[in-house]
PDB file of N, CA and C in Angstrom:
ATOM      1  N   MET A   1      90.567  69.732  63.045  1.00  0.00           N
ATOM      2  CA  MET A   1      89.531  70.665  63.388  1.00  0.00           C
ATOM      3  C   MET A   1      90.146  71.814  64.200  1.00  0.00           C
ATOM      4  N   TYR A   2      89.685  73.009  63.932  1.00  0.00           N
ATOM      5  CA  TYR A   2      90.178  74.168  64.667  1.00  0.00           C
ATOM      6  C   TYR A   2      89.544  74.224  66.054  1.00  0.00           C
ATOM      7  N   VAL A   3      90.378  74.497  67.057  1.00  0.00           N
ATOM      8  CA  VAL A   3      89.876  74.677  68.417  1.00  0.00           C
ATOM      9  C   VAL A   3      89.978  76.134  68.848  1.00  0.00           C
ATOM     10  N   CYS A   4      90.767  76.910  68.138  1.00  0.00           N
ATOM     11  CA  CYS A   4      90.853  78.356  68.359  1.00  0.00           C
ATOM     12  C   CYS A   4      90.870  79.025  66.991  1.00  0.00           C
ATOM     13  N   ILE A   5      89.779  79.687  66.689  1.00  0.00           N
ATOM     14  CA  ILE A   5      89.662  80.339  65.387  1.00  0.00           C
ATOM     15  C   ILE A   5      90.570  81.562  65.308  1.00  0.00           C
ATOM     16  N   CYS A   6      90.638  82.325  66.395  1.00  0.00           N
ATOM     17  CA  CYS A   6      91.430  83.567  66.392  1.00  0.00           C
ATOM     18  C   CYS A   6      92.892  83.322  66.005  1.00  0.00           C
ATOM     19  N   LEU A   7      93.459  82.247  66.559  1.00  0.00           N
ATOM     20  CA  LEU A   7      94.873  81.955  66.325  1.00  0.00           C
ATOM     21  C   LEU A   7      95.080  80.785  65.379  1.00  0.00           C
ATOM     22  N   ALA A   8      94.001  80.244  64.824  1.00  0.00           N
ATOM     23  CA  ALA A   8      94.045  79.114  63.891  1.00  0.00           C
ATOM     24  C   ALA A   8      94.794  77.911  64.484  1.00  0.00           C
ATOM     25  N   ILE A   9      94.466  77.583  65.739  1.00  0.00           N
ATOM     26  CA  ILE A   9      95.081  76.443  66.423  1.00  0.00           C
ATOM     27  C   ILE A   9      94.196  75.223  66.197  1.00  0.00           C
ATOM     28  N   THR A  10      94.824  74.127  65.772  1.00  0.00           N
ATOM     29  CA  THR A  10      94.084  72.896  65.500  1.00  0.00           C
ATOM     30  C   THR A  10      94.234  71.897  66.654  1.00  0.00           C
ATOM     31  N   GLU A  11      93.350  70.904  66.655  1.00  0.00           N
ATOM     32  CA  GLU A  11      93.445  69.829  67.645  1.00  0.00           C
ATOM     33  C   GLU A  11      94.809  69.158  67.565  1.00  0.00           C
ATOM     34  N   ALA A  12      95.287  68.926  66.351  1.00  0.00           N
ATOM     35  CA  ALA A  12      96.582  68.264  66.164  1.00  0.00           C
ATOM     36  C   ALA A  12      97.723  69.076  66.786  1.00  0.00           C
ATOM     37  N   GLN A  13      97.664  70.379  66.679  1.00  0.00           N
ATOM     38  CA  GLN A  13      98.707  71.220  67.269  1.00  0.00           C
ATOM     39  C   GLN A  13      98.685  71.128  68.795  1.00  0.00           C
ATOM     40  N   VAL A  14      97.501  71.092  69.377  1.00  0.00           N
ATOM     41  CA  VAL A  14      97.399  70.980  70.836  1.00  0.00           C
ATOM     42  C   VAL A  14      97.928  69.621  71.290  1.00  0.00           C
ATOM     43  N   LYS A  15      97.622  68.565  70.545  1.00  0.00           N
ATOM     44  CA  LYS A  15      98.149  67.239  70.877  1.00  0.00           C
ATOM     45  C   LYS A  15      99.667  67.210  70.767  1.00  0.00           C
ATOM     46  N   ASP A  16     100.216  67.891  69.768  1.00  0.00           N
ATOM     47  CA  ASP A  16     101.677  67.975  69.627  1.00  0.00           C
ATOM     48  C   ASP A  16     102.295  68.629  70.848  1.00  0.00           C
ATOM     49  N   VAL A  17     101.663  69.682  71.348  1.00  0.00           N
ATOM     50  CA  VAL A  17     102.157  70.342  72.555  1.00  0.00           C
ATOM     51  C   VAL A  17     102.084  69.372  73.735  1.00  0.00           C
ATOM     52  N   GLY A  18     101.005  68.607  73.816  1.00  0.00           N
ATOM     53  CA  GLY A  18     100.875  67.610  74.873  1.00  0.00           C
ATOM     54  C   GLY A  18     101.966  66.562  74.819  1.00  0.00           C
ATOM     55  N   ARG A  19     102.400  66.206  73.629  1.00  0.00           N
ATOM     56  CA  ARG A  19     103.474  65.210  73.478  1.00  0.00           C
ATOM     57  C   ARG A  19     104.789  65.696  74.069  1.00  0.00           C
ATOM     58  N   THR A  20     104.946  66.998  74.203  1.00  0.00           N
ATOM     59  CA  THR A  20     106.170  67.540  74.811  1.00  0.00           C
ATOM     60  C   THR A  20     106.082  67.541  76.332  1.00  0.00           C
ATOM     61  N   GLY A  21     104.914  67.162  76.872  1.00  0.00           N
ATOM     62  CA  GLY A  21     104.731  67.133  78.317  1.00  0.00           C
ATOM     63  C   GLY A  21     104.006  68.345  78.855  1.00  0.00           C
ATOM     64  N   THR A  22     103.615  69.253  77.988  1.00  0.00           N
ATOM     65  CA  THR A  22     102.892  70.450  78.411  1.00  0.00           C
ATOM     66  C   THR A  22     101.408  70.136  78.448  1.00  0.00           C
ATOM     67  N   VAL A  23     100.872  69.992  79.668  1.00  0.00           N
ATOM     68  CA  VAL A  23      99.465  69.639  79.817  1.00  0.00           C
ATOM     69  C   VAL A  23      98.736  70.502  80.848  1.00  0.00           C
ATOM     70  N   ALA A  24      99.454  71.283  81.619  1.00  0.00           N
ATOM     71  CA  ALA A  24      98.827  72.131  82.640  1.00  0.00           C
ATOM     72  C   ALA A  24      98.117  73.303  81.970  1.00  0.00           C
ATOM     73  N   PRO A  25      96.963  73.695  82.491  1.00  0.00           N
ATOM     74  CA  PRO A  25      96.213  74.790  81.877  1.00  0.00           C
ATOM     75  C   PRO A  25      97.033  76.065  81.673  1.00  0.00           C
ATOM     76  N   SER A  26      97.731  76.518  82.698  1.00  0.00           N
ATOM     77  CA  SER A  26      98.497  77.769  82.573  1.00  0.00           C
ATOM     78  C   SER A  26      99.622  77.638  81.550  1.00  0.00           C
ATOM     79  N   ALA A  27     100.247  76.464  81.495  1.00  0.00           N
ATOM     80  CA  ALA A  27     101.321  76.245  80.524  1.00  0.00           C
ATOM     81  C   ALA A  27     100.767  76.229  79.098  1.00  0.00           C
ATOM     82  N   LEU A  28      99.619  75.606  78.912  1.00  0.00           N
ATOM     83  CA  LEU A  28      98.999  75.582  77.578  1.00  0.00           C
ATOM     84  C   LEU A  28      98.618  76.986  77.133  1.00  0.00           C
ATOM     85  N   ILE A  29      98.079  77.773  78.042  1.00  0.00           N
ATOM     86  CA  ILE A  29      97.716  79.153  77.718  1.00  0.00           C
ATOM     87  C   ILE A  29      98.947  79.923  77.258  1.00  0.00           C
ATOM     88  N   ASP A  30     100.066  79.745  77.977  1.00  0.00           N
ATOM     89  CA  ASP A  30     101.310  80.444  77.618  1.00  0.00           C
ATOM     90  C   ASP A  30     101.877  79.948  76.295  1.00  0.00           C
ATOM     91  N   VAL A  31     102.027  78.638  76.166  1.00  0.00           N
ATOM     92  CA  VAL A  31     102.660  78.060  74.981  1.00  0.00           C
ATOM     93  C   VAL A  31     101.856  78.332  73.709  1.00  0.00           C
ATOM     94  N   LEU A  32     100.547  78.234  73.820  1.00  0.00           N
ATOM     95  CA  LEU A  32      99.697  78.422  72.643  1.00  0.00           C
ATOM     96  C   LEU A  32      99.322  79.880  72.399  1.00  0.00           C
ATOM     97  N   GLY A  33      99.658  80.758  73.338  1.00  0.00           N
ATOM     98  CA  GLY A  33      99.378  82.184  73.165  1.00  0.00           C
ATOM     99  C   GLY A  33      97.908  82.539  73.304  1.00  0.00           C
ATOM    100  N   LEU A  34      97.198  81.811  74.172  1.00  0.00           N
ATOM    101  CA  LEU A  34      95.757  82.023  74.289  1.00  0.00           C
ATOM    102  C   LEU A  34      95.390  83.340  74.973  1.00  0.00           C
ATOM    103  N   LYS A  35      96.373  84.035  75.504  1.00  0.00           N
ATOM    104  CA  LYS A  35      96.109  85.365  76.079  1.00  0.00           C
ATOM    105  C   LYS A  35      96.679  86.452  75.174  1.00  0.00           C
ATOM    106  N   ASP A  36      97.003  86.075  73.961  1.00  0.00           N
ATOM    107  CA  ASP A  36      97.526  87.010  72.966  1.00  0.00           C
ATOM    108  C   ASP A  36      96.507  88.109  72.710  1.00  0.00           C
ATOM    109  N   ARG A  37      96.979  89.289  72.421  1.00  0.00           N
ATOM    110  CA  ARG A  37      96.042  90.402  72.192  1.00  0.00           C
ATOM    111  C   ARG A  37      95.209  90.207  70.923  1.00  0.00           C
ATOM    112  N   ASN A  38      95.627  89.311  70.042  1.00  0.00           N
ATOM    113  CA  ASN A  38      94.858  89.014  68.829  1.00  0.00           C
ATOM    114  C   ASN A  38      93.812  87.930  69.053  1.00  0.00           C
ATOM    115  N   CYS A  39      93.722  87.440  70.286  1.00  0.00           N
ATOM    116  CA  CYS A  39      92.791  86.361  70.607  1.00  0.00           C
ATOM    117  C   CYS A  39      91.645  86.932  71.447  1.00  0.00           C
ATOM    118  N   CYS A  40      90.448  86.436  71.230  1.00  0.00           N
ATOM    119  CA  CYS A  40      89.269  86.953  71.939  1.00  0.00           C
ATOM    120  C   CYS A  40      89.246  86.582  73.419  1.00  0.00           C
ATOM    121  N   GLY A  41      89.996  85.550  73.823  1.00  0.00           N
ATOM    122  CA  GLY A  41      90.067  85.155  75.223  1.00  0.00           C
ATOM    123  C   GLY A  41      89.154  84.008  75.604  1.00  0.00           C
ATOM    124  N   ARG A  42      88.259  83.621  74.725  1.00  0.00           N
ATOM    125  CA  ARG A  42      87.334  82.529  75.013  1.00  0.00           C
ATOM    126  C   ARG A  42      88.068  81.223  75.318  1.00  0.00           C
ATOM    127  N   CYS A  43      89.095  80.935  74.566  1.00  0.00           N
ATOM    128  CA  CYS A  43      89.830  79.680  74.744  1.00  0.00           C
ATOM    129  C   CYS A  43      90.566  79.644  76.083  1.00  0.00           C
ATOM    130  N   ALA A  44      91.124  80.766  76.488  1.00  0.00           N
ATOM    131  CA  ALA A  44      91.807  80.818  77.779  1.00  0.00           C
ATOM    132  C   ALA A  44      90.804  80.604  78.918  1.00  0.00           C
ATOM    133  N   ARG A  45      89.605  81.130  78.757  1.00  0.00           N
ATOM    134  CA  ARG A  45      88.572  80.954  79.788  1.00  0.00           C
ATOM    135  C   ARG A  45      88.012  79.530  79.784  1.00  0.00           C
ATOM    136  N   GLN A  46      88.075  78.860  78.649  1.00  0.00           N
ATOM    137  CA  GLN A  46      87.551  77.502  78.524  1.00  0.00           C
ATOM    138  C   GLN A  46      88.683  76.543  78.151  1.00  0.00           C
ATOM    139  N   VAL A  47      89.758  76.598  78.912  1.00  0.00           N
ATOM    140  CA  VAL A  47      90.976  75.855  78.599  1.00  0.00           C
ATOM    141  C   VAL A  47      90.820  74.346  78.792  1.00  0.00           C
ATOM    142  N   ASP A  48      89.750  73.897  79.411  1.00  0.00           N
ATOM    143  CA  ASP A  48      89.561  72.463  79.660  1.00  0.00           C
ATOM    144  C   ASP A  48      89.645  71.621  78.394  1.00  0.00           C
ATOM    145  N   ARG A  49      89.110  72.104  77.292  1.00  0.00           N
ATOM    146  CA  ARG A  49      89.167  71.373  76.022  1.00  0.00           C
ATOM    147  C   ARG A  49      90.617  71.198  75.574  1.00  0.00           C
ATOM    148  N   PHE A  50      91.421  72.223  75.773  1.00  0.00           N
ATOM    149  CA  PHE A  50      92.831  72.161  75.403  1.00  0.00           C
ATOM    150  C   PHE A  50      93.578  71.169  76.295  1.00  0.00           C
ATOM    151  N   VAL A  51      93.247  71.152  77.580  1.00  0.00           N
ATOM    152  CA  VAL A  51      93.881  70.211  78.512  1.00  0.00           C
ATOM    153  C   VAL A  51      93.567  68.779  78.092  1.00  0.00           C
ATOM    154  N   THR A  52      92.321  68.507  77.748  1.00  0.00           N
ATOM    155  CA  THR A  52      91.925  67.167  77.305  1.00  0.00           C
ATOM    156  C   THR A  52      92.710  66.745  76.064  1.00  0.00           C
ATOM    157  N   LEU A  53      92.803  67.628  75.101  1.00  0.00           N
ATOM    158  CA  LEU A  53      93.548  67.314  73.874  1.00  0.00           C
ATOM    159  C   LEU A  53      95.033  67.119  74.159  1.00  0.00           C
ATOM    160  N   ALA A  54      95.587  67.946  75.029  1.00  0.00           N
ATOM    161  CA  ALA A  54      97.008  67.817  75.361  1.00  0.00           C
ATOM    162  C   ALA A  54      97.282  66.477  76.039  1.00  0.00           C
ATOM    163  N   TRP A  55      96.394  66.050  76.937  1.00  0.00           N
ATOM    164  CA  TRP A  55      96.569  64.750  77.580  1.00  0.00           C
ATOM    165  C   TRP A  55      96.423  63.611  76.570  1.00  0.00           C
ATOM    166  N   GLU A  56      95.558  63.768  75.588  1.00  0.00           N
ATOM    167  CA  GLU A  56      95.462  62.755  74.528  1.00  0.00           C
ATOM    168  C   GLU A  56      96.786  62.654  73.788  1.00  0.00           C
ATOM    169  N   GLY A  57      97.383  63.791  73.481  1.00  0.00           N
ATOM    170  CA  GLY A  57      98.686  63.800  72.827  1.00  0.00           C
ATOM    171  C   GLY A  57      99.757  63.195  73.706  1.00  0.00           C
ATOM    172  N   ALA A  58      99.711  63.518  74.991  1.00  0.00           N
ATOM    173  CA  ALA A  58     100.697  62.978  75.934  1.00  0.00           C
ATOM    174  C   ALA A  58     100.585  61.465  76.021  1.00  0.00           C
ATOM    175  N   GLY A  59      99.366  60.956  75.895  1.00  0.00           N
ATOM    176  CA  GLY A  59      99.158  59.516  75.936  1.00  0.00           C
ATOM    177  C   GLY A  59      99.723  58.810  74.721  1.00  0.00           C
ATOM    178  N   GLU A  60      99.944  59.563  73.654  1.00  0.00           N
ATOM    179  CA  GLU A  60     100.504  58.995  72.430  1.00  0.00           C
ATOM    180  C   GLU A  60     102.029  59.012  72.449  1.00  0.00           C
ATOM    181  N   ALA A  61     102.600  59.637  73.469  1.00  0.00           N
ATOM    182  CA  ALA A  61     104.051  59.729  73.578  1.00  0.00           C
ATOM    183  C   ALA A  61     104.457  59.248  74.961  1.00  0.00           C
ATOM    184  N   GLU A  62     105.724  58.946  75.109  1.00  0.00           N
ATOM    185  CA  GLU A  62     106.222  58.563  76.420  1.00  0.00           C
ATOM    186  C   GLU A  62     106.588  59.850  77.147  1.00  0.00           C
ATOM    187  N   VAL A  63     105.755  60.242  78.086  1.00  0.00           N
ATOM    188  CA  VAL A  63     105.969  61.477  78.836  1.00  0.00           C
ATOM    189  C   VAL A  63     106.273  61.116  80.268  1.00  0.00           C
ATOM    190  N   ARG A  64     107.350  61.687  80.799  1.00  0.00           N
ATOM    191  CA  ARG A  64     107.718  61.443  82.180  1.00  0.00           C
ATOM    192  C   ARG A  64     107.757  62.753  82.940  1.00  0.00           C
ATOM    193  N   PRO A  65     107.268  62.738  84.159  1.00  0.00           N
ATOM    194  CA  PRO A  65     107.383  63.944  84.977  1.00  0.00           C
ATOM    195  C   PRO A  65     108.845  64.290  85.202  1.00  0.00           C
ATOM    196  N   ILE A  66     109.108  65.549  85.434  1.00  0.00           N
ATOM    197  CA  ILE A  66     110.477  66.000  85.700  1.00  0.00           C
ATOM    198  C   ILE A  66     111.027  65.235  86.896  1.00  0.00           C
ATOM    199  N   GLY A  67     112.283  64.816  86.788  1.00  0.00           N
ATOM    200  CA  GLY A  67     112.927  64.117  87.883  1.00  0.00           C
ATOM    201  C   GLY A  67     112.839  62.603  87.778  1.00  0.00           C
ATOM    202  N   THR A  68     112.157  62.090  86.774  1.00  0.00           N
ATOM    203  CA  THR A  68     112.052  60.643  86.636  1.00  0.00           C
ATOM    204  C   THR A  68     112.659  60.140  85.333  1.00  0.00           C
ATOM    205  N   ALA A  69     113.366  60.992  84.643  1.00  0.00           N
ATOM    206  CA  ALA A  69     113.967  60.583  83.372  1.00  0.00           C
ATOM    207  C   ALA A  69     115.034  59.525  83.614  1.00  0.00           C
ATOM    208  N   ARG A  70     115.089  58.568  82.733  1.00  0.00           N
ATOM    209  CA  ARG A  70     116.109  57.525  82.823  1.00  0.00           C
ATOM    210  C   ARG A  70     117.442  58.072  82.339  1.00  0.00           C
ATOM    211  N   LEU A  71     118.485  57.666  83.005  1.00  0.00           N
ATOM    212  CA  LEU A  71     119.816  58.038  82.535  1.00  0.00           C
ATOM    213  C   LEU A  71     120.230  57.069  81.445  1.00  0.00           C
ATOM    214  N   GLN A  72     120.776  57.612  80.403  1.00  0.00           N
ATOM    215  CA  GLN A  72     121.264  56.758  79.330  1.00  0.00           C
ATOM    216  C   GLN A  72     122.774  56.781  79.378  1.00  0.00           C
ATOM    217  N   THR A  73     123.369  55.617  79.408  1.00  0.00           N
ATOM    218  CA  THR A  73     124.827  55.530  79.432  1.00  0.00           C
ATOM    219  C   THR A  73     125.285  54.926  78.123  1.00  0.00           C
ATOM    220  N   GLN A  74     126.440  55.330  77.737  1.00  0.00           N
ATOM    221  CA  GLN A  74     126.999  54.821  76.486  1.00  0.00           C
ATOM    222  C   GLN A  74     128.376  54.247  76.808  1.00  0.00           C
ATOM    223  N   THR A  75     128.582  53.024  76.448  1.00  0.00           N
ATOM    224  CA  THR A  75     129.852  52.383  76.693  1.00  0.00           C
ATOM    225  C   THR A  75     130.657  52.384  75.402  1.00  0.00           C
ATOM    226  N   SER A  76     131.871  52.826  75.535  1.00  0.00           N
ATOM    227  CA  SER A  76     132.736  52.876  74.358  1.00  0.00           C
ATOM    228  C   SER A  76     133.936  51.969  74.593  1.00  0.00           C
ATOM    229  N   PHE A  77     134.213  51.110  73.646  1.00  0.00           N
ATOM    230  CA  PHE A  77     135.349  50.203  73.712  1.00  0.00           C
ATOM    231  C   PHE A  77     136.333  50.551  72.594  1.00  0.00           C
ATOM    232  N   ALA A  78     136.822  51.748  72.624  1.00  0.00           N
ATOM    233  CA  ALA A  78     137.724  52.203  71.572  1.00  0.00           C
ATOM    234  C   ALA A  78     139.114  51.728  71.769  1.00  0.00           C
TER     235      ALA A  78
END
């Protein structure tokens, strides 16, 4: 379903952005281009729907706040 007609942004696209860890209103506005001159601005003013969808996407992925990433080590026995 489309959540922004002006930019043809779908719910699935917003969830995909959420899976990358982008869930803050200002970040969603920037990443999705909701302040683009080709957009009417309604979505930027009502960004709560986008935040909800982004968090749904984030819940489908393993998202960690910055600074809590696990270190991965690789042992080589060459």
